[in-house]
Amino acid sequence: MGTTIVRVGTIYIPVNEVNLSAEWYVEKLGAEISYQDEDKAIINFANLSFFLVKAAENQTANFMDSHGKERFSVTFEVDGLEALTSLHQELAEKGVKVGEIEDRGHPGNNFVFYDFNGNIFDVWSELSPTFKDKGTGSLS
């Protein structure tokens, strides 16, 4: 294969109410809205574009693993345990449902948080070397 995939450009997230969901991402995560209509909103944060797409009722990006545990499909990164702890506290203070900071047996620590629609996202304290080299250690 002569072509290499360079990066993820867009992630699609199912939502119930586009307007309220877009507002949630702006208020809670510092996202910027670049486009919005009644069926979708394009928001930007964490060096990515996210399409918030109006979905059928009770749809989320979550899935069940082989042990019956509901899982997230996206992990965000921050630069270090201090940044992880700070973000965890910030999100909790903004009324975001957050899980406990946990050691999962690999380098760094993680926690999960839930968006307005019940989508679960993970945050990891270990920033990828490519981003660490560029000095971009922010969720927004």
N, C-alpha and C. Protein backbone atom coordinates (compact mmCIF):
# COMPACT_ATOMS: atom_id res chain seq x y z
N MET A 1 0.85 -1.18 0.00
CA MET A 1 0.00 0.00 0.00
C MET A 1 0.89 1.23 0.00
N GLY A 2 0.74 2.10 -0.97
CA GLY A 2 1.61 3.26 -1.12
C GLY A 2 1.16 4.48 -0.35
N THR A 3 -0.10 4.52 0.08
CA THR A 3 -0.63 5.68 0.79
C THR A 3 -0.80 5.34 2.26
N THR A 4 -0.44 6.29 3.12
CA THR A 4 -0.58 6.10 4.55
C THR A 4 -1.64 7.03 5.10
N ILE A 5 -2.51 6.53 5.93
CA ILE A 5 -3.48 7.38 6.61
C ILE A 5 -2.72 8.25 7.60
N VAL A 6 -2.94 9.55 7.55
CA VAL A 6 -2.16 10.49 8.34
C VAL A 6 -2.81 10.81 9.68
N ARG A 7 -4.14 11.00 9.69
CA ARG A 7 -4.79 11.38 10.94
C ARG A 7 -6.29 11.12 10.84
N VAL A 8 -6.95 11.18 11.98
CA VAL A 8 -8.41 11.13 12.01
C VAL A 8 -8.87 12.58 11.83
N GLY A 9 -9.75 12.81 10.88
CA GLY A 9 -10.22 14.17 10.62
C GLY A 9 -11.54 14.49 11.28
N THR A 10 -12.46 13.52 11.32
CA THR A 10 -13.80 13.76 11.84
C THR A 10 -14.30 12.54 12.58
N ILE A 11 -14.99 12.79 13.67
CA ILE A 11 -15.66 11.73 14.41
C ILE A 11 -17.15 12.10 14.46
N TYR A 12 -18.01 11.14 14.16
CA TYR A 12 -19.45 11.35 14.17
C TYR A 12 -20.04 10.86 15.49
N ILE A 13 -20.85 11.70 16.11
CA ILE A 13 -21.45 11.38 17.39
C ILE A 13 -22.97 11.50 17.28
N PRO A 14 -23.69 10.43 17.60
CA PRO A 14 -25.15 10.50 17.55
C PRO A 14 -25.69 11.32 18.72
N VAL A 15 -26.65 12.20 18.42
CA VAL A 15 -27.27 13.03 19.45
C VAL A 15 -28.78 13.06 19.25
N ASN A 16 -29.50 13.42 20.30
CA ASN A 16 -30.95 13.53 20.22
C ASN A 16 -31.38 14.92 19.77
N GLU A 17 -30.79 15.93 20.35
CA GLU A 17 -31.14 17.31 20.04
C GLU A 17 -29.87 18.06 19.64
N VAL A 18 -29.77 18.40 18.38
CA VAL A 18 -28.55 19.00 17.85
C VAL A 18 -28.20 20.30 18.56
N ASN A 19 -29.16 21.20 18.68
CA ASN A 19 -28.89 22.51 19.26
C ASN A 19 -28.42 22.41 20.71
N LEU A 20 -29.17 21.66 21.53
CA LEU A 20 -28.78 21.51 22.94
C LEU A 20 -27.45 20.79 23.09
N SER A 21 -27.20 19.82 22.23
CA SER A 21 -25.94 19.08 22.29
C SER A 21 -24.77 19.98 21.92
N ALA A 22 -24.93 20.76 20.86
CA ALA A 22 -23.86 21.68 20.46
C ALA A 22 -23.56 22.67 21.58
N GLU A 23 -24.60 23.20 22.20
CA GLU A 23 -24.41 24.13 23.32
C GLU A 23 -23.66 23.45 24.47
N TRP A 24 -23.98 22.19 24.74
CA TRP A 24 -23.32 21.44 25.81
C TRP A 24 -21.82 21.34 25.53
N TYR A 25 -21.46 20.97 24.31
CA TYR A 25 -20.05 20.82 23.96
C TYR A 25 -19.30 22.15 24.02
N VAL A 26 -19.96 23.24 23.66
CA VAL A 26 -19.33 24.57 23.76
C VAL A 26 -19.12 24.92 25.22
N GLU A 27 -20.17 24.78 26.02
CA GLU A 27 -20.11 25.17 27.43
C GLU A 27 -19.19 24.29 28.27
N LYS A 28 -19.28 22.99 28.09
CA LYS A 28 -18.55 22.07 28.96
C LYS A 28 -17.13 21.77 28.48
N LEU A 29 -16.91 21.72 27.14
CA LEU A 29 -15.60 21.30 26.63
C LEU A 29 -14.88 22.40 25.85
N GLY A 30 -15.50 23.56 25.72
CA GLY A 30 -14.85 24.65 25.01
C GLY A 30 -14.82 24.48 23.50
N ALA A 31 -15.72 23.67 22.96
CA ALA A 31 -15.77 23.45 21.51
C ALA A 31 -16.20 24.73 20.80
N GLU A 32 -15.85 24.80 19.53
CA GLU A 32 -16.30 25.89 18.67
C GLU A 32 -17.19 25.30 17.60
N ILE A 33 -18.31 25.96 17.35
CA ILE A 33 -19.24 25.50 16.31
C ILE A 33 -18.84 26.13 14.99
N SER A 34 -18.63 25.29 13.98
CA SER A 34 -18.29 25.83 12.66
C SER A 34 -19.46 25.75 11.68
N TYR A 35 -20.46 24.93 11.99
CA TYR A 35 -21.65 24.82 11.15
C TYR A 35 -22.75 24.16 11.98
N GLN A 36 -23.99 24.58 11.71
CA GLN A 36 -25.11 23.93 12.39
C GLN A 36 -26.38 24.09 11.59
N ASP A 37 -27.16 23.01 11.50
CA ASP A 37 -28.51 23.07 10.97
C ASP A 37 -29.36 22.14 11.84
N GLU A 38 -30.57 21.83 11.45
CA GLU A 38 -31.45 21.04 12.32
C GLU A 38 -31.03 19.57 12.44
N ASP A 39 -30.22 19.07 11.50
CA ASP A 39 -29.83 17.67 11.50
C ASP A 39 -28.41 17.40 11.98
N LYS A 40 -27.58 18.44 12.05
CA LYS A 40 -26.19 18.22 12.46
C LYS A 40 -25.54 19.53 12.89
N ALA A 41 -24.49 19.38 13.67
CA ALA A 41 -23.62 20.50 14.02
C ALA A 41 -22.19 20.00 13.86
N ILE A 42 -21.36 20.85 13.32
CA ILE A 42 -19.93 20.54 13.23
C ILE A 42 -19.24 21.37 14.29
N ILE A 43 -18.60 20.68 15.22
CA ILE A 43 -17.89 21.36 16.31
C ILE A 43 -16.42 20.96 16.24
N ASN A 44 -15.58 21.83 16.75
CA ASN A 44 -14.15 21.60 16.73
C ASN A 44 -13.57 21.76 18.13
N PHE A 45 -12.83 20.74 18.56
CA PHE A 45 -12.04 20.78 19.78
C PHE A 45 -11.11 19.59 19.77
N ALA A 46 -10.10 19.59 20.60
CA ALA A 46 -9.13 18.50 20.71
C ALA A 46 -8.48 18.18 19.35
N ASN A 47 -8.24 19.23 18.57
CA ASN A 47 -7.59 19.08 17.27
C ASN A 47 -8.36 18.19 16.30
N LEU A 48 -9.68 18.12 16.45
CA LEU A 48 -10.54 17.31 15.58
C LEU A 48 -11.84 18.04 15.29
N SER A 49 -12.51 17.60 14.23
CA SER A 49 -13.88 18.02 13.97
C SER A 49 -14.80 16.89 14.39
N PHE A 50 -15.88 17.24 15.04
CA PHE A 50 -16.89 16.28 15.45
C PHE A 50 -18.21 16.69 14.80
N PHE A 51 -18.89 15.73 14.18
CA PHE A 51 -20.22 15.96 13.64
C PHE A 51 -21.21 15.42 14.66
N LEU A 52 -22.01 16.29 15.21
CA LEU A 52 -23.10 15.88 16.09
C LEU A 52 -24.29 15.66 15.18
N VAL A 53 -24.67 14.41 14.99
CA VAL A 53 -25.69 14.05 14.00
C VAL A 53 -26.97 13.62 14.72
N LYS A 54 -28.08 14.24 14.33
CA LYS A 54 -29.37 13.85 14.90
C LYS A 54 -29.62 12.38 14.56
N ALA A 55 -29.82 11.58 15.60
CA ALA A 55 -29.96 10.13 15.44
C ALA A 55 -31.32 9.68 15.96
N ALA A 56 -31.64 8.44 15.68
CA ALA A 56 -32.85 7.84 16.24
C ALA A 56 -32.75 7.83 17.76
N GLU A 57 -33.87 7.77 18.41
CA GLU A 57 -33.89 7.76 19.88
C GLU A 57 -33.04 6.65 20.46
N ASN A 58 -32.39 6.95 21.58
CA ASN A 58 -31.59 6.01 22.36
C ASN A 58 -30.34 5.50 21.64
N GLN A 59 -29.85 6.21 20.65
CA GLN A 59 -28.61 5.85 19.97
C GLN A 59 -27.45 6.56 20.65
N THR A 60 -26.35 5.84 20.87
CA THR A 60 -25.12 6.45 21.35
C THR A 60 -23.96 5.81 20.60
N ALA A 61 -22.79 6.37 20.79
CA ALA A 61 -21.57 5.81 20.19
C ALA A 61 -20.99 4.70 21.06
N ASN A 62 -21.63 4.40 22.17
CA ASN A 62 -21.15 3.38 23.10
C ASN A 62 -21.41 1.98 22.54
N PHE A 63 -20.70 1.02 23.07
CA PHE A 63 -20.93 -0.37 22.68
C PHE A 63 -20.68 -1.28 23.87
N MET A 64 -21.19 -2.50 23.79
CA MET A 64 -21.01 -3.49 24.85
C MET A 64 -19.82 -4.37 24.49
N ASP A 65 -18.90 -4.56 25.46
CA ASP A 65 -17.78 -5.45 25.19
C ASP A 65 -18.19 -6.91 25.44
N SER A 66 -17.28 -7.83 25.25
CA SER A 66 -17.60 -9.25 25.36
C SER A 66 -17.97 -9.68 26.78
N HIS A 67 -17.73 -8.81 27.76
CA HIS A 67 -18.09 -9.12 29.16
C HIS A 67 -19.37 -8.39 29.59
N GLY A 68 -20.02 -7.73 28.63
CA GLY A 68 -21.28 -7.05 28.92
C GLY A 68 -21.11 -5.67 29.51
N LYS A 69 -19.90 -5.11 29.46
CA LYS A 69 -19.65 -3.77 29.99
C LYS A 69 -19.77 -2.74 28.87
N GLU A 70 -20.51 -1.66 29.15
CA GLU A 70 -20.65 -0.59 28.16
C GLU A 70 -19.33 0.16 28.03
N ARG A 71 -18.90 0.39 26.80
CA ARG A 71 -17.59 0.99 26.52
C ARG A 71 -17.70 2.25 25.68
N PHE A 72 -16.67 3.05 25.73
CA PHE A 72 -16.51 4.26 24.93
C PHE A 72 -15.78 3.91 23.65
N SER A 73 -15.90 4.79 22.66
CA SER A 73 -15.20 4.55 21.40
C SER A 73 -14.11 5.60 21.14
N VAL A 74 -13.98 6.59 22.03
CA VAL A 74 -12.99 7.65 21.85
C VAL A 74 -12.26 7.89 23.17
N THR A 75 -10.93 8.00 23.09
CA THR A 75 -10.12 8.40 24.24
C THR A 75 -9.43 9.72 23.90
N PHE A 76 -9.64 10.72 24.74
CA PHE A 76 -8.93 11.99 24.62
C PHE A 76 -7.66 11.89 25.46
N GLU A 77 -6.66 12.69 25.13
CA GLU A 77 -5.41 12.70 25.87
C GLU A 77 -5.14 14.07 26.46
N VAL A 78 -4.56 14.08 27.65
CA VAL A 78 -4.04 15.30 28.26
C VAL A 78 -2.58 15.03 28.61
N ASP A 79 -1.85 16.07 28.94
CA ASP A 79 -0.42 15.94 29.17
C ASP A 79 -0.10 15.80 30.66
N GLY A 80 -0.27 14.59 31.19
CA GLY A 80 0.15 14.30 32.56
C GLY A 80 -0.98 14.17 33.55
N LEU A 81 -0.63 13.60 34.70
CA LEU A 81 -1.59 13.34 35.77
C LEU A 81 -2.18 14.63 36.33
N GLU A 82 -1.37 15.66 36.44
CA GLU A 82 -1.88 16.94 36.95
C GLU A 82 -2.96 17.50 36.02
N ALA A 83 -2.72 17.42 34.71
CA ALA A 83 -3.72 17.89 33.74
C ALA A 83 -4.98 17.03 33.80
N LEU A 84 -4.81 15.72 33.98
CA LEU A 84 -5.95 14.82 34.08
C LEU A 84 -6.80 15.17 35.31
N THR A 85 -6.13 15.34 36.44
CA THR A 85 -6.83 15.67 37.69
C THR A 85 -7.55 17.01 37.57
N SER A 86 -6.88 17.98 36.97
CA SER A 86 -7.46 19.30 36.80
C SER A 86 -8.70 19.25 35.90
N LEU A 87 -8.61 18.54 34.78
CA LEU A 87 -9.75 18.41 33.88
C LEU A 87 -10.90 17.68 34.55
N HIS A 88 -10.60 16.63 35.28
CA HIS A 88 -11.62 15.87 36.00
C HIS A 88 -12.40 16.79 36.94
N GLN A 89 -11.66 17.61 37.69
CA GLN A 89 -12.29 18.53 38.63
C GLN A 89 -13.10 19.60 37.89
N GLU A 90 -12.54 20.14 36.81
CA GLU A 90 -13.22 21.16 36.02
C GLU A 90 -14.55 20.65 35.46
N LEU A 91 -14.52 19.46 34.88
CA LEU A 91 -15.74 18.90 34.31
C LEU A 91 -16.78 18.64 35.40
N ALA A 92 -16.34 18.09 36.52
CA ALA A 92 -17.27 17.83 37.63
C ALA A 92 -17.90 19.13 38.12
N GLU A 93 -17.11 20.20 38.22
CA GLU A 93 -17.63 21.50 38.66
C GLU A 93 -18.62 22.08 37.67
N LYS A 94 -18.51 21.70 36.39
CA LYS A 94 -19.45 22.17 35.36
C LYS A 94 -20.68 21.28 35.28
N GLY A 95 -20.79 20.30 36.17
CA GLY A 95 -21.95 19.44 36.21
C GLY A 95 -21.90 18.27 35.24
N VAL A 96 -20.73 17.98 34.69
CA VAL A 96 -20.58 16.85 33.78
C VAL A 96 -20.46 15.58 34.62
N LYS A 97 -21.15 14.54 34.22
CA LYS A 97 -21.03 13.24 34.89
C LYS A 97 -19.66 12.66 34.56
N VAL A 98 -18.83 12.46 35.59
CA VAL A 98 -17.48 11.91 35.41
C VAL A 98 -17.31 10.67 36.28
N GLY A 99 -16.52 9.73 35.79
CA GLY A 99 -16.15 8.56 36.58
C GLY A 99 -14.93 8.88 37.42
N GLU A 100 -14.56 7.95 38.26
CA GLU A 100 -13.38 8.11 39.10
C GLU A 100 -12.11 8.04 38.26
N ILE A 101 -11.06 8.72 38.71
CA ILE A 101 -9.74 8.56 38.10
C ILE A 101 -9.26 7.18 38.50
N GLU A 102 -8.80 6.42 37.51
CA GLU A 102 -8.42 5.04 37.80
C GLU A 102 -7.11 4.64 37.12
N ASP A 103 -6.47 3.67 37.75
CA ASP A 103 -5.28 3.04 37.20
C ASP A 103 -5.75 1.74 36.57
N ARG A 104 -5.59 1.63 35.26
CA ARG A 104 -6.07 0.45 34.53
C ARG A 104 -4.96 -0.55 34.25
N GLY A 105 -3.81 -0.37 34.90
CA GLY A 105 -2.73 -1.34 34.76
C GLY A 105 -1.78 -1.07 33.61
N HIS A 106 -1.93 0.07 32.95
CA HIS A 106 -1.01 0.48 31.89
C HIS A 106 -0.47 1.85 32.28
N PRO A 107 0.52 2.38 31.57
CA PRO A 107 1.04 3.71 31.93
C PRO A 107 -0.07 4.75 31.99
N GLY A 108 0.01 5.63 32.95
CA GLY A 108 -0.95 6.71 33.09
C GLY A 108 -2.23 6.30 33.78
N ASN A 109 -3.11 7.27 33.94
CA ASN A 109 -4.42 7.07 34.54
C ASN A 109 -5.50 7.58 33.60
N ASN A 110 -6.72 7.17 33.86
CA ASN A 110 -7.85 7.53 33.01
C ASN A 110 -9.07 7.87 33.85
N PHE A 111 -10.02 8.53 33.20
CA PHE A 111 -11.38 8.63 33.73
C PHE A 111 -12.32 8.75 32.53
N VAL A 112 -13.58 8.45 32.75
CA VAL A 112 -14.58 8.61 31.71
C VAL A 112 -15.50 9.77 32.07
N PHE A 113 -16.10 10.34 31.03
CA PHE A 113 -17.16 11.33 31.24
C PHE A 113 -18.25 11.09 30.22
N TYR A 114 -19.42 11.64 30.50
CA TYR A 114 -20.61 11.41 29.68
C TYR A 114 -21.10 12.74 29.12
N ASP A 115 -21.46 12.74 27.85
CA ASP A 115 -22.01 13.97 27.27
C ASP A 115 -23.50 14.06 27.55
N PHE A 116 -24.11 15.08 27.02
CA PHE A 116 -25.53 15.41 27.19
C PHE A 116 -26.44 14.26 26.76
N ASN A 117 -25.98 13.42 25.83
CA ASN A 117 -26.79 12.35 25.26
C ASN A 117 -26.45 10.97 25.80
N GLY A 118 -25.52 10.87 26.75
CA GLY A 118 -25.13 9.58 27.31
C GLY A 118 -23.97 8.92 26.59
N ASN A 119 -23.35 9.62 25.61
CA ASN A 119 -22.15 9.09 24.98
C ASN A 119 -21.01 9.12 26.01
N ILE A 120 -20.28 8.02 26.11
CA ILE A 120 -19.17 7.93 27.06
C ILE A 120 -17.87 8.23 26.32
N PHE A 121 -17.04 9.05 26.96
CA PHE A 121 -15.70 9.35 26.44
C PHE A 121 -14.68 9.09 27.53
N ASP A 122 -13.49 8.72 27.11
CA ASP A 122 -12.39 8.41 28.02
C ASP A 122 -11.36 9.53 27.93
N VAL A 123 -10.65 9.78 29.03
CA VAL A 123 -9.53 10.72 29.03
C VAL A 123 -8.35 10.00 29.65
N TRP A 124 -7.20 10.10 29.00
CA TRP A 124 -5.97 9.42 29.43
C TRP A 124 -4.90 10.46 29.71
N SER A 125 -4.11 10.22 30.73
CA SER A 125 -3.09 11.19 31.16
C SER A 125 -1.81 11.15 30.34
N GLU A 126 -1.74 10.29 29.34
CA GLU A 126 -0.51 10.14 28.56
C GLU A 126 -0.69 10.72 27.15
N LEU A 127 -0.05 11.84 26.90
CA LEU A 127 -0.14 12.48 25.61
C LEU A 127 0.72 11.76 24.59
N SER A 128 0.17 11.52 23.39
CA SER A 128 0.91 10.86 22.33
C SER A 128 2.20 11.64 22.02
N PRO A 129 3.29 10.93 21.75
CA PRO A 129 4.57 11.59 21.49
C PRO A 129 4.51 12.65 20.39
N THR A 130 3.74 12.42 19.34
CA THR A 130 3.62 13.39 18.25
C THR A 130 3.10 14.72 18.76
N PHE A 131 2.08 14.69 19.61
CA PHE A 131 1.52 15.92 20.15
C PHE A 131 2.40 16.49 21.24
N LYS A 132 3.05 15.65 22.02
CA LYS A 132 3.95 16.14 23.05
C LYS A 132 5.08 16.94 22.40
N ASP A 133 5.62 16.45 21.29
CA ASP A 133 6.68 17.15 20.57
C ASP A 133 6.22 18.49 20.03
N LYS A 134 4.94 18.59 19.66
CA LYS A 134 4.40 19.84 19.12
C LYS A 134 3.94 20.80 20.24
N GLY A 135 3.92 20.30 21.49
CA GLY A 135 3.52 21.16 22.59
C GLY A 135 2.03 21.44 22.64
N THR A 136 1.22 20.55 22.11
CA THR A 136 -0.23 20.75 22.12
C THR A 136 -0.86 19.79 23.12
N GLY A 137 -0.90 20.17 24.37
CA GLY A 137 -1.42 19.28 25.41
C GLY A 137 -2.75 19.70 25.96
N SER A 138 -3.71 20.03 25.11
CA SER A 138 -4.99 20.55 25.58
C SER A 138 -6.15 19.80 24.96
N LEU A 139 -7.22 19.62 25.72
CA LEU A 139 -8.42 18.97 25.21
C LEU A 139 -9.15 19.90 24.25
N SER A 140 -9.02 21.18 24.43
CA SER A 140 -9.76 22.11 23.55
C SER A 140 -8.86 22.72 22.52
